[in-house]
């Protein structure tokens, strides 16, 4: 991830065991980058959920038949 020209400093509170694993996985000095990458992935996930909700509102829910057809056409199946 490239660093943005503008950044905001945030403060978060997490359980101690989560913080310990974060520090272990992120490495010294890389916690902010690790958390930023995780937040970007979550925000993308949230936006996809918003899109699915909007599509269902406009076109109706996906039927089991449509899901089965899509799964059958998915590569690697």
PDB file of N, CA and C in Angstrom:
ATOM      1  N   UNK A   1       0.844  -1.174   0.000  1.00  0.00           N
ATOM      2  CA  UNK A   1       0.000   0.000   0.000  1.00  0.00           C
ATOM      3  C   UNK A   1       0.887   1.234   0.000  1.00  0.00           C
ATOM      4  N   UNK A   2       0.606   2.174  -0.846  1.00  0.00           N
ATOM      5  CA  UNK A   2       1.379   3.409  -0.863  1.00  0.00           C
ATOM      6  C   UNK A   2       0.845   4.350   0.209  1.00  0.00           C
ATOM      7  N   UNK A   3       1.746   5.121   0.766  1.00  0.00           N
ATOM      8  CA  UNK A   3       1.351   6.033   1.829  1.00  0.00           C
ATOM      9  C   UNK A   3       0.610   7.234   1.261  1.00  0.00           C
ATOM     10  N   UNK A   4      -0.483   7.563   1.871  1.00  0.00           N
ATOM     11  CA  UNK A   4      -1.302   8.697   1.466  1.00  0.00           C
ATOM     12  C   UNK A   4      -0.586   9.998   1.804  1.00  0.00           C
ATOM     13  N   UNK A   5      -0.876  11.039   1.023  1.00  0.00           N
ATOM     14  CA  UNK A   5      -0.290  12.345   1.290  1.00  0.00           C
ATOM     15  C   UNK A   5      -0.802  12.907   2.609  1.00  0.00           C
ATOM     16  N   UNK A   6      -2.009  12.555   2.971  1.00  0.00           N
ATOM     17  CA  UNK A   6      -2.608  13.034   4.215  1.00  0.00           C
ATOM     18  C   UNK A   6      -2.947  11.838   5.090  1.00  0.00           C
ATOM     19  N   UNK A   7      -2.654  11.956   6.359  1.00  0.00           N
ATOM     20  CA  UNK A   7      -2.989  10.893   7.301  1.00  0.00           C
ATOM     21  C   UNK A   7      -3.643  11.502   8.529  1.00  0.00           C
ATOM     22  N   UNK A   8      -4.407  10.694   9.219  1.00  0.00           N
ATOM     23  CA  UNK A   8      -5.001  11.069  10.501  1.00  0.00           C
ATOM     24  C   UNK A   8      -4.493  10.091  11.545  1.00  0.00           C
ATOM     25  N   UNK A   9      -4.197  10.586  12.706  1.00  0.00           N
ATOM     26  CA  UNK A   9      -3.791   9.727  13.803  1.00  0.00           C
ATOM     27  C   UNK A   9      -5.047   9.365  14.594  1.00  0.00           C
ATOM     28  N   UNK A  10      -5.236   8.069  14.801  1.00  0.00           N
ATOM     29  CA  UNK A  10      -6.389   7.565  15.542  1.00  0.00           C
ATOM     30  C   UNK A  10      -5.917   6.827  16.777  1.00  0.00           C
ATOM     31  N   UNK A  11      -6.790   6.717  17.728  1.00  0.00           N
ATOM     32  CA  UNK A  11      -6.532   5.929  18.920  1.00  0.00           C
ATOM     33  C   UNK A  11      -7.606   4.854  19.011  1.00  0.00           C
ATOM     34  N   UNK A  12      -7.187   3.618  19.180  1.00  0.00           N
ATOM     35  CA  UNK A  12      -8.142   2.518  19.316  1.00  0.00           C
ATOM     36  C   UNK A  12      -7.813   1.715  20.557  1.00  0.00           C
ATOM     37  N   UNK A  13      -8.819   1.054  21.084  1.00  0.00           N
ATOM     38  CA  UNK A  13      -8.638   0.188  22.233  1.00  0.00           C
ATOM     39  C   UNK A  13      -8.986  -1.231  21.812  1.00  0.00           C
ATOM     40  N   UNK A  14      -8.061  -2.151  22.026  1.00  0.00           N
ATOM     41  CA  UNK A  14      -8.272  -3.558  21.667  1.00  0.00           C
ATOM     42  C   UNK A  14      -7.863  -4.430  22.844  1.00  0.00           C
ATOM     43  N   UNK A  15      -8.406  -5.638  22.906  1.00  0.00           N
ATOM     44  CA  UNK A  15      -7.985  -6.552  23.968  1.00  0.00           C
ATOM     45  C   UNK A  15      -6.465  -6.796  23.907  1.00  0.00           C
ATOM     46  N   UNK A  16      -5.855  -6.988  25.049  1.00  0.00           N
ATOM     47  CA  UNK A  16      -4.406  -7.161  25.137  1.00  0.00           C
ATOM     48  C   UNK A  16      -3.893  -8.286  24.263  1.00  0.00           C
ATOM     49  N   UNK A  17      -4.618  -9.407  24.218  1.00  0.00           N
ATOM     50  CA  UNK A  17      -4.149 -10.540  23.421  1.00  0.00           C
ATOM     51  C   UNK A  17      -4.194 -10.221  21.921  1.00  0.00           C
ATOM     52  N   UNK A  18      -5.152  -9.385  21.506  1.00  0.00           N
ATOM     53  CA  UNK A  18      -5.220  -8.961  20.103  1.00  0.00           C
ATOM     54  C   UNK A  18      -4.037  -8.043  19.794  1.00  0.00           C
ATOM     55  N   UNK A  19      -3.752  -7.134  20.692  1.00  0.00           N
ATOM     56  CA  UNK A  19      -2.624  -6.216  20.500  1.00  0.00           C
ATOM     57  C   UNK A  19      -1.306  -6.984  20.430  1.00  0.00           C
ATOM     58  N   UNK A  20      -1.152  -7.981  21.281  1.00  0.00           N
ATOM     59  CA  UNK A  20       0.087  -8.768  21.290  1.00  0.00           C
ATOM     60  C   UNK A  20       0.260  -9.508  19.966  1.00  0.00           C
ATOM     61  N   UNK A  21      -0.800 -10.121  19.462  1.00  0.00           N
ATOM     62  CA  UNK A  21      -0.687 -10.837  18.194  1.00  0.00           C
ATOM     63  C   UNK A  21      -0.454  -9.861  17.046  1.00  0.00           C
ATOM     64  N   UNK A  22      -1.115  -8.716  17.091  1.00  0.00           N
ATOM     65  CA  UNK A  22      -0.906  -7.686  16.072  1.00  0.00           C
ATOM     66  C   UNK A  22       0.567  -7.286  16.013  1.00  0.00           C
ATOM     67  N   UNK A  23       1.134  -6.989  17.155  1.00  0.00           N
ATOM     68  CA  UNK A  23       2.542  -6.590  17.190  1.00  0.00           C
ATOM     69  C   UNK A  23       3.452  -7.705  16.678  1.00  0.00           C
ATOM     70  N   UNK A  24       3.112  -8.930  17.037  1.00  0.00           N
ATOM     71  CA  UNK A  24       3.903 -10.075  16.603  1.00  0.00           C
ATOM     72  C   UNK A  24       3.833 -10.254  15.087  1.00  0.00           C
ATOM     73  N   UNK A  25       2.649 -10.143  14.521  1.00  0.00           N
ATOM     74  CA  UNK A  25       2.476 -10.348  13.087  1.00  0.00           C
ATOM     75  C   UNK A  25       2.949  -9.158  12.264  1.00  0.00           C
ATOM     76  N   UNK A  26       2.741  -7.956  12.769  1.00  0.00           N
ATOM     77  CA  UNK A  26       3.078  -6.753  12.009  1.00  0.00           C
ATOM     78  C   UNK A  26       4.575  -6.469  12.029  1.00  0.00           C
ATOM     79  N   UNK A  27       5.228  -6.854  13.076  1.00  0.00           N
ATOM     80  CA  UNK A  27       6.645  -6.541  13.194  1.00  0.00           C
ATOM     81  C   UNK A  27       6.842  -5.147  13.761  1.00  0.00           C
ATOM     82  N   UNK A  28       8.005  -4.935  14.259  1.00  0.00           N
ATOM     83  CA  UNK A  28       8.339  -3.662  14.905  1.00  0.00           C
ATOM     84  C   UNK A  28       8.211  -2.505  13.910  1.00  0.00           C
ATOM     85  N   UNK A  29       7.432  -1.513  14.285  1.00  0.00           N
ATOM     86  CA  UNK A  29       7.300  -0.320  13.470  1.00  0.00           C
ATOM     87  C   UNK A  29       6.327  -0.425  12.308  1.00  0.00           C
ATOM     88  N   UNK A  30       5.669  -1.566  12.142  1.00  0.00           N
ATOM     89  CA  UNK A  30       4.767  -1.746  11.007  1.00  0.00           C
ATOM     90  C   UNK A  30       3.300  -1.893  11.403  1.00  0.00           C
ATOM     91  N   UNK A  31       2.978  -1.605  12.649  1.00  0.00           N
ATOM     92  CA  UNK A  31       1.606  -1.776  13.129  1.00  0.00           C
ATOM     93  C   UNK A  31       0.635  -0.887  12.349  1.00  0.00           C
ATOM     94  N   UNK A  32       0.979   0.360  12.126  1.00  0.00           N
ATOM     95  CA  UNK A  32       0.066   1.261  11.411  1.00  0.00           C
ATOM     96  C   UNK A  32      -0.217   0.761   9.998  1.00  0.00           C
ATOM     97  N   UNK A  33       0.800   0.312   9.285  1.00  0.00           N
ATOM     98  CA  UNK A  33       0.604  -0.203   7.927  1.00  0.00           C
ATOM     99  C   UNK A  33      -0.254  -1.458   7.944  1.00  0.00           C
ATOM    100  N   UNK A  34      -0.015  -2.336   8.905  1.00  0.00           N
ATOM    101  CA  UNK A  34      -0.783  -3.577   9.020  1.00  0.00           C
ATOM    102  C   UNK A  34      -2.256  -3.266   9.279  1.00  0.00           C
ATOM    103  N   UNK A  35      -2.509  -2.377  10.222  1.00  0.00           N
ATOM    104  CA  UNK A  35      -3.885  -2.003  10.555  1.00  0.00           C
ATOM    105  C   UNK A  35      -4.544  -1.280   9.382  1.00  0.00           C
ATOM    106  N   UNK A  36      -3.824  -0.402   8.713  1.00  0.00           N
ATOM    107  CA  UNK A  36      -4.379   0.306   7.559  1.00  0.00           C
ATOM    108  C   UNK A  36      -4.790  -0.679   6.473  1.00  0.00           C
ATOM    109  N   UNK A  37      -3.933  -1.661   6.172  1.00  0.00           N
ATOM    110  CA  UNK A  37      -4.277  -2.670   5.167  1.00  0.00           C
ATOM    111  C   UNK A  37      -5.524  -3.452   5.575  1.00  0.00           C
ATOM    112  N   UNK A  38      -5.616  -3.806   6.849  1.00  0.00           N
ATOM    113  CA  UNK A  38      -6.782  -4.535   7.338  1.00  0.00           C
ATOM    114  C   UNK A  38      -8.048  -3.682   7.233  1.00  0.00           C
ATOM    115  N   UNK A  39      -7.943  -2.410   7.552  1.00  0.00           N
ATOM    116  CA  UNK A  39      -9.094  -1.516   7.455  1.00  0.00           C
ATOM    117  C   UNK A  39      -9.529  -1.332   6.005  1.00  0.00           C
ATOM    118  N   UNK A  40      -8.582  -1.217   5.107  1.00  0.00           N
ATOM    119  CA  UNK A  40      -8.921  -1.087   3.688  1.00  0.00           C
ATOM    120  C   UNK A  40      -9.685  -2.319   3.216  1.00  0.00           C
ATOM    121  N   UNK A  41      -9.212  -3.511   3.583  1.00  0.00           N
ATOM    122  CA  UNK A  41      -9.921  -4.746   3.202  1.00  0.00           C
ATOM    123  C   UNK A  41     -11.337  -4.769   3.789  1.00  0.00           C
ATOM    124  N   UNK A  42     -11.482  -4.363   5.044  1.00  0.00           N
ATOM    125  CA  UNK A  42     -12.806  -4.363   5.674  1.00  0.00           C
ATOM    126  C   UNK A  42     -13.734  -3.369   5.008  1.00  0.00           C
ATOM    127  N   UNK A  43     -13.219  -2.188   4.686  1.00  0.00           N
ATOM    128  CA  UNK A  43     -14.050  -1.182   4.017  1.00  0.00           C
ATOM    129  C   UNK A  43     -14.482  -1.665   2.629  1.00  0.00           C
ATOM    130  N   UNK A  44     -13.584  -2.336   1.907  1.00  0.00           N
ATOM    131  CA  UNK A  44     -13.957  -2.916   0.605  1.00  0.00           C
ATOM    132  C   UNK A  44     -15.052  -3.951   0.788  1.00  0.00           C
ATOM    133  N   UNK A  45     -14.907  -4.778   1.804  1.00  0.00           N
ATOM    134  CA  UNK A  45     -15.918  -5.798   2.120  1.00  0.00           C
ATOM    135  C   UNK A  45     -17.259  -5.142   2.432  1.00  0.00           C
ATOM    136  N   UNK A  46     -17.232  -4.094   3.235  1.00  0.00           N
ATOM    137  CA  UNK A  46     -18.459  -3.377   3.594  1.00  0.00           C
ATOM    138  C   UNK A  46     -19.126  -2.759   2.366  1.00  0.00           C
ATOM    139  N   UNK A  47     -18.315  -2.172   1.472  1.00  0.00           N
ATOM    140  CA  UNK A  47     -18.879  -1.568   0.253  1.00  0.00           C
ATOM    141  C   UNK A  47     -19.491  -2.630  -0.653  1.00  0.00           C
ATOM    142  N   UNK A  48     -18.856  -3.805  -0.730  1.00  0.00           N
ATOM    143  CA  UNK A  48     -19.449  -4.898  -1.512  1.00  0.00           C
ATOM    144  C   UNK A  48     -20.789  -5.319  -0.917  1.00  0.00           C
ATOM    145  N   UNK A  49     -20.856  -5.371   0.402  1.00  0.00           N
ATOM    146  CA  UNK A  49     -22.127  -5.678   1.063  1.00  0.00           C
ATOM    147  C   UNK A  49     -23.188  -4.645   0.753  1.00  0.00           C
ATOM    148  N   UNK A  50     -22.792  -3.366   0.749  1.00  0.00           N
ATOM    149  CA  UNK A  50     -23.730  -2.291   0.394  1.00  0.00           C
ATOM    150  C   UNK A  50     -24.232  -2.473  -1.036  1.00  0.00           C
ATOM    151  N   UNK A  51     -23.318  -2.835  -1.956  1.00  0.00           N
ATOM    152  CA  UNK A  51     -23.702  -3.046  -3.347  1.00  0.00           C
ATOM    153  C   UNK A  51     -24.669  -4.217  -3.476  1.00  0.00           C
ATOM    154  N   UNK A  52     -24.396  -5.307  -2.769  1.00  0.00           N
ATOM    155  CA  UNK A  52     -25.295  -6.460  -2.820  1.00  0.00           C
ATOM    156  C   UNK A  52     -26.684  -6.103  -2.303  1.00  0.00           C
ATOM    157  N   UNK A  53     -26.736  -5.319  -1.248  1.00  0.00           N
ATOM    158  CA  UNK A  53     -28.018  -4.876  -0.711  1.00  0.00           C
ATOM    159  C   UNK A  53     -28.758  -4.020  -1.731  1.00  0.00           C
ATOM    160  N   UNK A  54     -28.045  -3.097  -2.357  1.00  0.00           N
ATOM    161  CA  UNK A  54     -28.649  -2.232  -3.369  1.00  0.00           C
ATOM    162  C   UNK A  54     -29.152  -3.047  -4.559  1.00  0.00           C
ATOM    163  N   UNK A  55     -28.341  -4.001  -5.004  1.00  0.00           N
ATOM    164  CA  UNK A  55     -28.764  -4.843  -6.130  1.00  0.00           C
ATOM    165  C   UNK A  55     -30.000  -5.670  -5.770  1.00  0.00           C
ATOM    166  N   UNK A  56     -30.046  -6.197  -4.568  1.00  0.00           N
ATOM    167  CA  UNK A  56     -31.212  -6.961  -4.130  1.00  0.00           C
ATOM    168  C   UNK A  56     -32.440  -6.065  -4.041  1.00  0.00           C
ATOM    169  N   UNK A  57     -32.269  -4.829  -3.606  1.00  0.00           N
ATOM    170  CA  UNK A  57     -33.387  -3.890  -3.540  1.00  0.00           C
ATOM    171  C   UNK A  57     -33.935  -3.580  -4.935  1.00  0.00           C
ATOM    172  N   UNK A  58     -33.036  -3.463  -5.909  1.00  0.00           N
ATOM    173  CA  UNK A  58     -33.438  -3.104  -7.271  1.00  0.00           C
ATOM    174  C   UNK A  58     -33.958  -4.315  -8.044  1.00  0.00           C
ATOM    175  N   UNK A  59     -33.253  -5.455  -7.923  1.00  0.00           N
ATOM    176  CA  UNK A  59     -33.539  -6.615  -8.766  1.00  0.00           C
ATOM    177  C   UNK A  59     -34.162  -7.788  -8.014  1.00  0.00           C
ATOM    178  N   UNK A  60     -34.301  -7.670  -6.719  1.00  0.00           N
ATOM    179  CA  UNK A  60     -34.806  -8.779  -5.921  1.00  0.00           C
ATOM    180  C   UNK A  60     -33.651  -9.673  -5.479  1.00  0.00           C
ATOM    181  N   UNK A  61     -33.930 -10.555  -4.529  1.00  0.00           N
ATOM    182  CA  UNK A  61     -32.875 -11.429  -4.013  1.00  0.00           C
ATOM    183  C   UNK A  61     -32.439 -12.453  -5.067  1.00  0.00           C
ATOM    184  N   UNK A  62     -31.229 -12.937  -4.908  1.00  0.00           N
ATOM    185  CA  UNK A  62     -30.712 -13.980  -5.779  1.00  0.00           C
ATOM    186  C   UNK A  62     -31.403 -15.289  -5.402  1.00  0.00           C
ATOM    187  N   UNK A  63     -31.895 -15.997  -6.399  1.00  0.00           N
ATOM    188  CA  UNK A  63     -32.592 -17.257  -6.137  1.00  0.00           C
ATOM    189  C   UNK A  63     -31.591 -18.396  -5.971  1.00  0.00           C
ATOM    190  N   UNK A  64     -32.035 -19.489  -5.383  1.00  0.00           N
ATOM    191  CA  UNK A  64     -31.188 -20.675  -5.239  1.00  0.00           C
ATOM    192  C   UNK A  64     -30.767 -21.196  -6.608  1.00  0.00           C
ATOM    193  N   UNK A  65     -31.660 -21.113  -7.582  1.00  0.00           N
ATOM    194  CA  UNK A  65     -31.344 -21.553  -8.943  1.00  0.00           C
ATOM    195  C   UNK A  65     -30.213 -20.706  -9.543  1.00  0.00           C
ATOM    196  N   UNK A  66     -30.285 -19.407  -9.351  1.00  0.00           N
ATOM    197  CA  UNK A  66     -29.236 -18.522  -9.860  1.00  0.00           C
ATOM    198  C   UNK A  66     -27.900 -18.803  -9.172  1.00  0.00           C
ATOM    199  N   UNK A  67     -27.939 -19.035  -7.860  1.00  0.00           N
ATOM    200  CA  UNK A  67     -26.720 -19.375  -7.127  1.00  0.00           C
ATOM    201  C   UNK A  67     -26.120 -20.677  -7.643  1.00  0.00           C
ATOM    202  N   UNK A  68     -26.963 -21.685  -7.837  1.00  0.00           N
ATOM    203  CA  UNK A  68     -26.476 -22.977  -8.324  1.00  0.00           C
ATOM    204  C   UNK A  68     -25.852 -22.833  -9.708  1.00  0.00           C
ATOM    205  N   UNK A  69     -26.474 -22.054 -10.568  1.00  0.00           N
ATOM    206  CA  UNK A  69     -25.946 -21.844 -11.914  1.00  0.00           C
ATOM    207  C   UNK A  69     -24.597 -21.122 -11.853  1.00  0.00           C
ATOM    208  N   UNK A  70     -24.500 -20.108 -11.017  1.00  0.00           N
ATOM    209  CA  UNK A  70     -23.247 -19.365 -10.887  1.00  0.00           C
ATOM    210  C   UNK A  70     -22.141 -20.261 -10.325  1.00  0.00           C
ATOM    211  N   UNK A  71     -22.474 -21.076  -9.321  1.00  0.00           N
ATOM    212  CA  UNK A  71     -21.479 -21.973  -8.742  1.00  0.00           C
ATOM    213  C   UNK A  71     -20.990 -22.988  -9.758  1.00  0.00           C
ATOM    214  N   UNK A  72     -21.889 -23.477 -10.600  1.00  0.00           N
ATOM    215  CA  UNK A  72     -21.518 -24.458 -11.617  1.00  0.00           C
ATOM    216  C   UNK A  72     -20.574 -23.858 -12.657  1.00  0.00           C
ATOM    217  N   UNK A  73     -20.698 -22.571 -12.919  1.00  0.00           N
ATOM    218  CA  UNK A  73     -19.865 -21.904 -13.915  1.00  0.00           C
ATOM    219  C   UNK A  73     -18.567 -21.358 -13.326  1.00  0.00           C
ATOM    220  N   UNK A  74     -18.441 -21.366 -12.002  1.00  0.00           N
ATOM    221  CA  UNK A  74     -17.260 -20.784 -11.352  1.00  0.00           C
ATOM    222  C   UNK A  74     -16.029 -21.633 -11.667  1.00  0.00           C
ATOM    223  N   UNK A  75     -14.922 -21.001 -12.039  1.00  0.00           N
ATOM    224  CA  UNK A  75     -13.696 -21.751 -12.354  1.00  0.00           C
ATOM    225  C   UNK A  75     -13.235 -22.610 -11.171  1.00  0.00           C
ATOM    226  N   UNK A  76     -12.725 -23.786 -11.483  1.00  0.00           N
ATOM    227  CA  UNK A  76     -12.195 -24.654 -10.443  1.00  0.00           C
ATOM    228  C   UNK A  76     -13.217 -25.535  -9.778  1.00  0.00           C
ATOM    229  N   UNK A  77     -14.435 -25.490 -10.244  1.00  0.00           N
ATOM    230  CA  UNK A  77     -15.483 -26.350  -9.665  1.00  0.00           C
ATOM    231  C   UNK A  77     -15.721 -27.528 -10.537  1.00  0.00           C
TER     232      UNK A  77
END
